[in-house]
């Protein structure tokens, strides 16, 4: 199963950038969305596929936390 993860763009250089996903800094291709530093995005296979709101990031973090509890 493939899923997208949510994070905040913390660096941008042209169409490339860095996204902070739950404390992990991941390289990302930003050309598919109009994302800038400070924006929240969904990241899939190294590509930002959508801009999202902070509230959506918080909801996804809660769901991932529940999955971790269930797995443990």
PDB file of N, CA and C in Angstrom:
ATOM      1  N   UNK A   1       0.844  -1.172   0.000  1.00  0.00           N
ATOM      2  CA  UNK A   1       0.000   0.000   0.000  1.00  0.00           C
ATOM      3  C   UNK A   1       0.892   1.239   0.000  1.00  0.00           C
ATOM      4  N   UNK A   2       0.556   2.198  -0.804  1.00  0.00           N
ATOM      5  CA  UNK A   2       1.277   3.468  -0.856  1.00  0.00           C
ATOM      6  C   UNK A   2       0.416   4.549  -0.225  1.00  0.00           C
ATOM      7  N   UNK A   3       1.043   5.392   0.551  1.00  0.00           N
ATOM      8  CA  UNK A   3       0.326   6.504   1.156  1.00  0.00           C
ATOM      9  C   UNK A   3       1.135   7.781   0.974  1.00  0.00           C
ATOM     10  N   UNK A   4       0.454   8.887   1.076  1.00  0.00           N
ATOM     11  CA  UNK A   4       1.125  10.183   1.072  1.00  0.00           C
ATOM     12  C   UNK A   4       1.264  10.630   2.518  1.00  0.00           C
ATOM     13  N   UNK A   5       2.334  11.362   2.794  1.00  0.00           N
ATOM     14  CA  UNK A   5       2.555  11.896   4.132  1.00  0.00           C
ATOM     15  C   UNK A   5       2.512  13.415   4.064  1.00  0.00           C
ATOM     16  N   UNK A   6       2.164  14.019   5.183  1.00  0.00           N
ATOM     17  CA  UNK A   6       2.020  15.470   5.237  1.00  0.00           C
ATOM     18  C   UNK A   6       3.233  16.097   5.902  1.00  0.00           C
ATOM     19  N   UNK A   7       3.624  17.258   5.403  1.00  0.00           N
ATOM     20  CA  UNK A   7       4.731  17.983   6.005  1.00  0.00           C
ATOM     21  C   UNK A   7       4.767  19.424   5.566  1.00  0.00           C
ATOM     22  N   UNK A   8       5.715  20.161   6.139  1.00  0.00           N
ATOM     23  CA  UNK A   8       5.850  21.584   5.831  1.00  0.00           C
ATOM     24  C   UNK A   8       7.109  21.816   5.002  1.00  0.00           C
ATOM     25  N   UNK A   9       6.967  22.602   3.963  1.00  0.00           N
ATOM     26  CA  UNK A   9       8.116  22.984   3.133  1.00  0.00           C
ATOM     27  C   UNK A   9       9.000  23.916   3.961  1.00  0.00           C
ATOM     28  N   UNK A  10      10.269  23.530   4.131  1.00  0.00           N
ATOM     29  CA  UNK A  10      11.196  24.335   4.924  1.00  0.00           C
ATOM     30  C   UNK A  10      12.317  24.939   4.085  1.00  0.00           C
ATOM     31  N   UNK A  11      12.522  24.419   2.876  1.00  0.00           N
ATOM     32  CA  UNK A  11      13.511  24.973   1.943  1.00  0.00           C
ATOM     33  C   UNK A  11      12.967  24.847   0.533  1.00  0.00           C
ATOM     34  N   UNK A  12      13.318  25.814  -0.308  1.00  0.00           N
ATOM     35  CA  UNK A  12      12.923  25.734  -1.711  1.00  0.00           C
ATOM     36  C   UNK A  12      14.020  26.341  -2.565  1.00  0.00           C
ATOM     37  N   UNK A  13      14.388  25.598  -3.618  1.00  0.00           N
ATOM     38  CA  UNK A  13      15.379  26.064  -4.575  1.00  0.00           C
ATOM     39  C   UNK A  13      14.858  25.675  -5.955  1.00  0.00           C
ATOM     40  N   UNK A  14      14.193  26.598  -6.613  1.00  0.00           N
ATOM     41  CA  UNK A  14      13.562  26.297  -7.896  1.00  0.00           C
ATOM     42  C   UNK A  14      12.396  25.351  -7.678  1.00  0.00           C
ATOM     43  N   UNK A  15      12.458  24.186  -8.325  1.00  0.00           N
ATOM     44  CA  UNK A  15      11.374  23.209  -8.165  1.00  0.00           C
ATOM     45  C   UNK A  15      11.713  22.138  -7.130  1.00  0.00           C
ATOM     46  N   UNK A  16      12.881  22.229  -6.543  1.00  0.00           N
ATOM     47  CA  UNK A  16      13.304  21.264  -5.522  1.00  0.00           C
ATOM     48  C   UNK A  16      13.144  21.888  -4.144  1.00  0.00           C
ATOM     49  N   UNK A  17      12.960  21.039  -3.154  1.00  0.00           N
ATOM     50  CA  UNK A  17      12.841  21.560  -1.805  1.00  0.00           C
ATOM     51  C   UNK A  17      13.051  20.495  -0.758  1.00  0.00           C
ATOM     52  N   UNK A  18      12.918  20.916   0.488  1.00  0.00           N
ATOM     53  CA  UNK A  18      12.983  20.032   1.647  1.00  0.00           C
ATOM     54  C   UNK A  18      11.664  20.180   2.394  1.00  0.00           C
ATOM     55  N   UNK A  19      11.111  19.027   2.814  1.00  0.00           N
ATOM     56  CA  UNK A  19       9.849  19.006   3.536  1.00  0.00           C
ATOM     57  C   UNK A  19      10.070  18.320   4.875  1.00  0.00           C
ATOM     58  N   UNK A  20       9.631  18.973   5.953  1.00  0.00           N
ATOM     59  CA  UNK A  20       9.720  18.406   7.287  1.00  0.00           C
ATOM     60  C   UNK A  20       8.491  17.538   7.510  1.00  0.00           C
ATOM     61  N   UNK A  21       8.708  16.222   7.588  1.00  0.00           N
ATOM     62  CA  UNK A  21       7.621  15.270   7.818  1.00  0.00           C
ATOM     63  C   UNK A  21       7.862  14.606   9.161  1.00  0.00           C
ATOM     64  N   UNK A  22       7.105  15.013  10.162  1.00  0.00           N
ATOM     65  CA  UNK A  22       7.193  14.439  11.509  1.00  0.00           C
ATOM     66  C   UNK A  22       8.630  14.408  12.025  1.00  0.00           C
ATOM     67  N   UNK A  23       9.354  15.507  11.778  1.00  0.00           N
ATOM     68  CA  UNK A  23      10.723  15.630  12.267  1.00  0.00           C
ATOM     69  C   UNK A  23      11.789  15.105  11.327  1.00  0.00           C
ATOM     70  N   UNK A  24      11.386  14.542  10.211  1.00  0.00           N
ATOM     71  CA  UNK A  24      12.331  14.040   9.211  1.00  0.00           C
ATOM     72  C   UNK A  24      12.370  15.000   8.028  1.00  0.00           C
ATOM     73  N   UNK A  25      13.566  15.375   7.600  1.00  0.00           N
ATOM     74  CA  UNK A  25      13.732  16.294   6.479  1.00  0.00           C
ATOM     75  C   UNK A  25      13.885  15.482   5.194  1.00  0.00           C
ATOM     76  N   UNK A  26      12.894  15.595   4.302  1.00  0.00           N
ATOM     77  CA  UNK A  26      12.870  14.815   3.069  1.00  0.00           C
ATOM     78  C   UNK A  26      13.013  15.710   1.852  1.00  0.00           C
ATOM     79  N   UNK A  27      13.766  15.246   0.857  1.00  0.00           N
ATOM     80  CA  UNK A  27      13.870  15.961  -0.415  1.00  0.00           C
ATOM     81  C   UNK A  27      12.562  15.806  -1.165  1.00  0.00           C
ATOM     82  N   UNK A  28      12.167  16.859  -1.869  1.00  0.00           N
ATOM     83  CA  UNK A  28      10.891  16.815  -2.582  1.00  0.00           C
ATOM     84  C   UNK A  28      10.944  17.592  -3.881  1.00  0.00           C
ATOM     85  N   UNK A  29      10.220  17.096  -4.851  1.00  0.00           N
ATOM     86  CA  UNK A  29       9.972  17.806  -6.107  1.00  0.00           C
ATOM     87  C   UNK A  29       8.710  18.628  -5.890  1.00  0.00           C
ATOM     88  N   UNK A  30       8.794  19.934  -6.106  1.00  0.00           N
ATOM     89  CA  UNK A  30       7.679  20.829  -5.814  1.00  0.00           C
ATOM     90  C   UNK A  30       6.975  21.358  -7.064  1.00  0.00           C
ATOM     91  N   UNK A  31       7.374  20.893  -8.232  1.00  0.00           N
ATOM     92  CA  UNK A  31       6.853  21.469  -9.475  1.00  0.00           C
ATOM     93  C   UNK A  31       5.384  21.145  -9.751  1.00  0.00           C
ATOM     94  N   UNK A  32       4.824  20.131  -9.093  1.00  0.00           N
ATOM     95  CA  UNK A  32       3.421  19.776  -9.346  1.00  0.00           C
ATOM     96  C   UNK A  32       2.435  20.682  -8.625  1.00  0.00           C
ATOM     97  N   UNK A  33       2.911  21.384  -7.602  1.00  0.00           N
ATOM     98  CA  UNK A  33       2.044  22.283  -6.825  1.00  0.00           C
ATOM     99  C   UNK A  33       2.736  23.625  -6.657  1.00  0.00           C
ATOM    100  N   UNK A  34       1.971  24.641  -6.405  1.00  0.00           N
ATOM    101  CA  UNK A  34       2.526  25.968  -6.154  1.00  0.00           C
ATOM    102  C   UNK A  34       2.799  26.081  -4.657  1.00  0.00           C
ATOM    103  N   UNK A  35       3.895  25.492  -4.199  1.00  0.00           N
ATOM    104  CA  UNK A  35       4.219  25.465  -2.775  1.00  0.00           C
ATOM    105  C   UNK A  35       5.450  26.311  -2.488  1.00  0.00           C
ATOM    106  N   UNK A  36       5.401  27.021  -1.391  1.00  0.00           N
ATOM    107  CA  UNK A  36       6.510  27.852  -0.950  1.00  0.00           C
ATOM    108  C   UNK A  36       6.885  27.478   0.476  1.00  0.00           C
ATOM    109  N   UNK A  37       8.006  28.001   0.948  1.00  0.00           N
ATOM    110  CA  UNK A  37       8.434  27.772   2.321  1.00  0.00           C
ATOM    111  C   UNK A  37       7.308  28.189   3.263  1.00  0.00           C
ATOM    112  N   UNK A  38       6.985  27.291   4.200  1.00  0.00           N
ATOM    113  CA  UNK A  38       5.916  27.536   5.157  1.00  0.00           C
ATOM    114  C   UNK A  38       4.599  26.881   4.792  1.00  0.00           C
ATOM    115  N   UNK A  39       4.465  26.457   3.529  1.00  0.00           N
ATOM    116  CA  UNK A  39       3.246  25.766   3.095  1.00  0.00           C
ATOM    117  C   UNK A  39       3.284  24.310   3.540  1.00  0.00           C
ATOM    118  N   UNK A  40       2.103  23.749   3.740  1.00  0.00           N
ATOM    119  CA  UNK A  40       1.973  22.329   4.047  1.00  0.00           C
ATOM    120  C   UNK A  40       1.582  21.595   2.771  1.00  0.00           C
ATOM    121  N   UNK A  41       2.188  20.413   2.585  1.00  0.00           N
ATOM    122  CA  UNK A  41       1.941  19.636   1.378  1.00  0.00           C
ATOM    123  C   UNK A  41       1.772  18.163   1.720  1.00  0.00           C
ATOM    124  N   UNK A  42       1.117  17.446   0.803  1.00  0.00           N
ATOM    125  CA  UNK A  42       1.126  15.989   0.841  1.00  0.00           C
ATOM    126  C   UNK A  42       2.273  15.544  -0.041  1.00  0.00           C
ATOM    127  N   UNK A  43       3.079  14.634   0.474  1.00  0.00           N
ATOM    128  CA  UNK A  43       4.269  14.165  -0.222  1.00  0.00           C
ATOM    129  C   UNK A  43       4.113  12.681  -0.533  1.00  0.00           C
ATOM    130  N   UNK A  44       4.272  12.335  -1.812  1.00  0.00           N
ATOM    131  CA  UNK A  44       4.162  10.945  -2.248  1.00  0.00           C
ATOM    132  C   UNK A  44       5.276  10.645  -3.238  1.00  0.00           C
ATOM    133  N   UNK A  45       6.047   9.610  -2.942  1.00  0.00           N
ATOM    134  CA  UNK A  45       7.138   9.177  -3.818  1.00  0.00           C
ATOM    135  C   UNK A  45       8.083  10.333  -4.166  1.00  0.00           C
ATOM    136  N   UNK A  46       8.339  11.196  -3.181  1.00  0.00           N
ATOM    137  CA  UNK A  46       9.279  12.290  -3.378  1.00  0.00           C
ATOM    138  C   UNK A  46       8.726  13.508  -4.085  1.00  0.00           C
ATOM    139  N   UNK A  47       7.405  13.505  -4.360  1.00  0.00           N
ATOM    140  CA  UNK A  47       6.769  14.640  -5.039  1.00  0.00           C
ATOM    141  C   UNK A  47       5.664  15.224  -4.177  1.00  0.00           C
ATOM    142  N   UNK A  48       5.656  16.536  -4.059  1.00  0.00           N
ATOM    143  CA  UNK A  48       4.530  17.201  -3.409  1.00  0.00           C
ATOM    144  C   UNK A  48       3.361  17.122  -4.390  1.00  0.00           C
ATOM    145  N   UNK A  49       2.251  16.530  -3.959  1.00  0.00           N
ATOM    146  CA  UNK A  49       1.128  16.322  -4.869  1.00  0.00           C
ATOM    147  C   UNK A  49      -0.056  17.236  -4.587  1.00  0.00           C
ATOM    148  N   UNK A  50      -0.030  17.911  -3.417  1.00  0.00           N
ATOM    149  CA  UNK A  50      -1.137  18.802  -3.080  1.00  0.00           C
ATOM    150  C   UNK A  50      -0.737  19.699  -1.923  1.00  0.00           C
ATOM    151  N   UNK A  51      -1.200  20.938  -1.952  1.00  0.00           N
ATOM    152  CA  UNK A  51      -1.070  21.808  -0.784  1.00  0.00           C
ATOM    153  C   UNK A  51      -2.248  21.508   0.129  1.00  0.00           C
ATOM    154  N   UNK A  52      -2.011  21.522   1.435  1.00  0.00           N
ATOM    155  CA  UNK A  52      -3.088  21.264   2.392  1.00  0.00           C
ATOM    156  C   UNK A  52      -3.017  22.272   3.535  1.00  0.00           C
ATOM    157  N   UNK A  53      -4.058  22.293   4.342  1.00  0.00           N
ATOM    158  CA  UNK A  53      -4.131  23.191   5.490  1.00  0.00           C
ATOM    159  C   UNK A  53      -3.476  22.541   6.702  1.00  0.00           C
ATOM    160  N   UNK A  54      -3.012  23.359   7.649  1.00  0.00           N
ATOM    161  CA  UNK A  54      -2.384  22.853   8.868  1.00  0.00           C
ATOM    162  C   UNK A  54      -3.327  21.918   9.618  1.00  0.00           C
ATOM    163  N   UNK A  55      -4.609  22.215   9.628  1.00  0.00           N
ATOM    164  CA  UNK A  55      -5.572  21.364  10.336  1.00  0.00           C
ATOM    165  C   UNK A  55      -5.591  19.948   9.753  1.00  0.00           C
ATOM    166  N   UNK A  56      -5.385  19.831   8.447  1.00  0.00           N
ATOM    167  CA  UNK A  56      -5.336  18.514   7.815  1.00  0.00           C
ATOM    168  C   UNK A  56      -4.070  17.760   8.226  1.00  0.00           C
ATOM    169  N   UNK A  57      -2.964  18.490   8.372  1.00  0.00           N
ATOM    170  CA  UNK A  57      -1.710  17.879   8.826  1.00  0.00           C
ATOM    171  C   UNK A  57      -1.908  17.328  10.235  1.00  0.00           C
ATOM    172  N   UNK A  58      -2.538  18.111  11.099  1.00  0.00           N
ATOM    173  CA  UNK A  58      -2.764  17.675  12.474  1.00  0.00           C
ATOM    174  C   UNK A  58      -3.651  16.436  12.517  1.00  0.00           C
ATOM    175  N   UNK A  59      -4.672  16.393  11.674  1.00  0.00           N
ATOM    176  CA  UNK A  59      -5.556  15.236  11.613  1.00  0.00           C
ATOM    177  C   UNK A  59      -4.790  13.988  11.147  1.00  0.00           C
ATOM    178  N   UNK A  60      -3.964  14.144  10.128  1.00  0.00           N
ATOM    179  CA  UNK A  60      -3.172  13.012   9.639  1.00  0.00           C
ATOM    180  C   UNK A  60      -2.162  12.538  10.685  1.00  0.00           C
ATOM    181  N   UNK A  61      -1.533  13.473  11.404  1.00  0.00           N
ATOM    182  CA  UNK A  61      -0.597  13.099  12.465  1.00  0.00           C
ATOM    183  C   UNK A  61      -1.306  12.282  13.545  1.00  0.00           C
ATOM    184  N   UNK A  62      -2.520  12.674  13.882  1.00  0.00           N
ATOM    185  CA  UNK A  62      -3.311  11.935  14.871  1.00  0.00           C
ATOM    186  C   UNK A  62      -3.591  10.520  14.380  1.00  0.00           C
ATOM    187  N   UNK A  63      -3.961  10.381  13.115  1.00  0.00           N
ATOM    188  CA  UNK A  63      -4.231   9.054  12.556  1.00  0.00           C
ATOM    189  C   UNK A  63      -2.973   8.180  12.545  1.00  0.00           C
ATOM    190  N   UNK A  64      -1.824   8.759  12.165  1.00  0.00           N
ATOM    191  CA  UNK A  64      -0.577   7.996  12.181  1.00  0.00           C
ATOM    192  C   UNK A  64      -0.223   7.575  13.604  1.00  0.00           C
ATOM    193  N   UNK A  65      -0.468   8.459  14.571  1.00  0.00           N
ATOM    194  CA  UNK A  65      -0.222   8.119  15.971  1.00  0.00           C
ATOM    195  C   UNK A  65      -1.072   6.949  16.424  1.00  0.00           C
ATOM    196  N   UNK A  66      -2.338   6.935  16.005  1.00  0.00           N
ATOM    197  CA  UNK A  66      -3.228   5.826  16.347  1.00  0.00           C
ATOM    198  C   UNK A  66      -2.742   4.527  15.701  1.00  0.00           C
ATOM    199  N   UNK A  67      -2.248   4.613  14.477  1.00  0.00           N
ATOM    200  CA  UNK A  67      -1.745   3.411  13.803  1.00  0.00           C
ATOM    201  C   UNK A  67      -0.508   2.879  14.540  1.00  0.00           C
ATOM    202  N   UNK A  68       0.360   3.755  14.997  1.00  0.00           N
ATOM    203  CA  UNK A  68       1.550   3.328  15.729  1.00  0.00           C
ATOM    204  C   UNK A  68       1.160   2.632  17.037  1.00  0.00           C
ATOM    205  N   UNK A  69       0.158   3.175  17.743  1.00  0.00           N
ATOM    206  CA  UNK A  69      -0.310   2.552  18.979  1.00  0.00           C
ATOM    207  C   UNK A  69      -0.886   1.168  18.694  1.00  0.00           C
ATOM    208  N   UNK A  70      -1.637   1.033  17.639  1.00  0.00           N
ATOM    209  CA  UNK A  70      -2.248  -0.236  17.285  1.00  0.00           C
ATOM    210  C   UNK A  70      -1.191  -1.266  16.938  1.00  0.00           C
ATOM    211  N   UNK A  71      -0.151  -0.838  16.218  1.00  0.00           N
ATOM    212  CA  UNK A  71       0.919  -1.738  15.781  1.00  0.00           C
ATOM    213  C   UNK A  71       1.765  -2.210  16.964  1.00  0.00           C
ATOM    214  N   UNK A  72       1.928  -1.339  17.973  1.00  0.00           N
ATOM    215  CA  UNK A  72       2.813  -1.640  19.095  1.00  0.00           C
ATOM    216  C   UNK A  72       2.196  -2.542  20.074  1.00  0.00           C
TER     217      UNK A  72
END
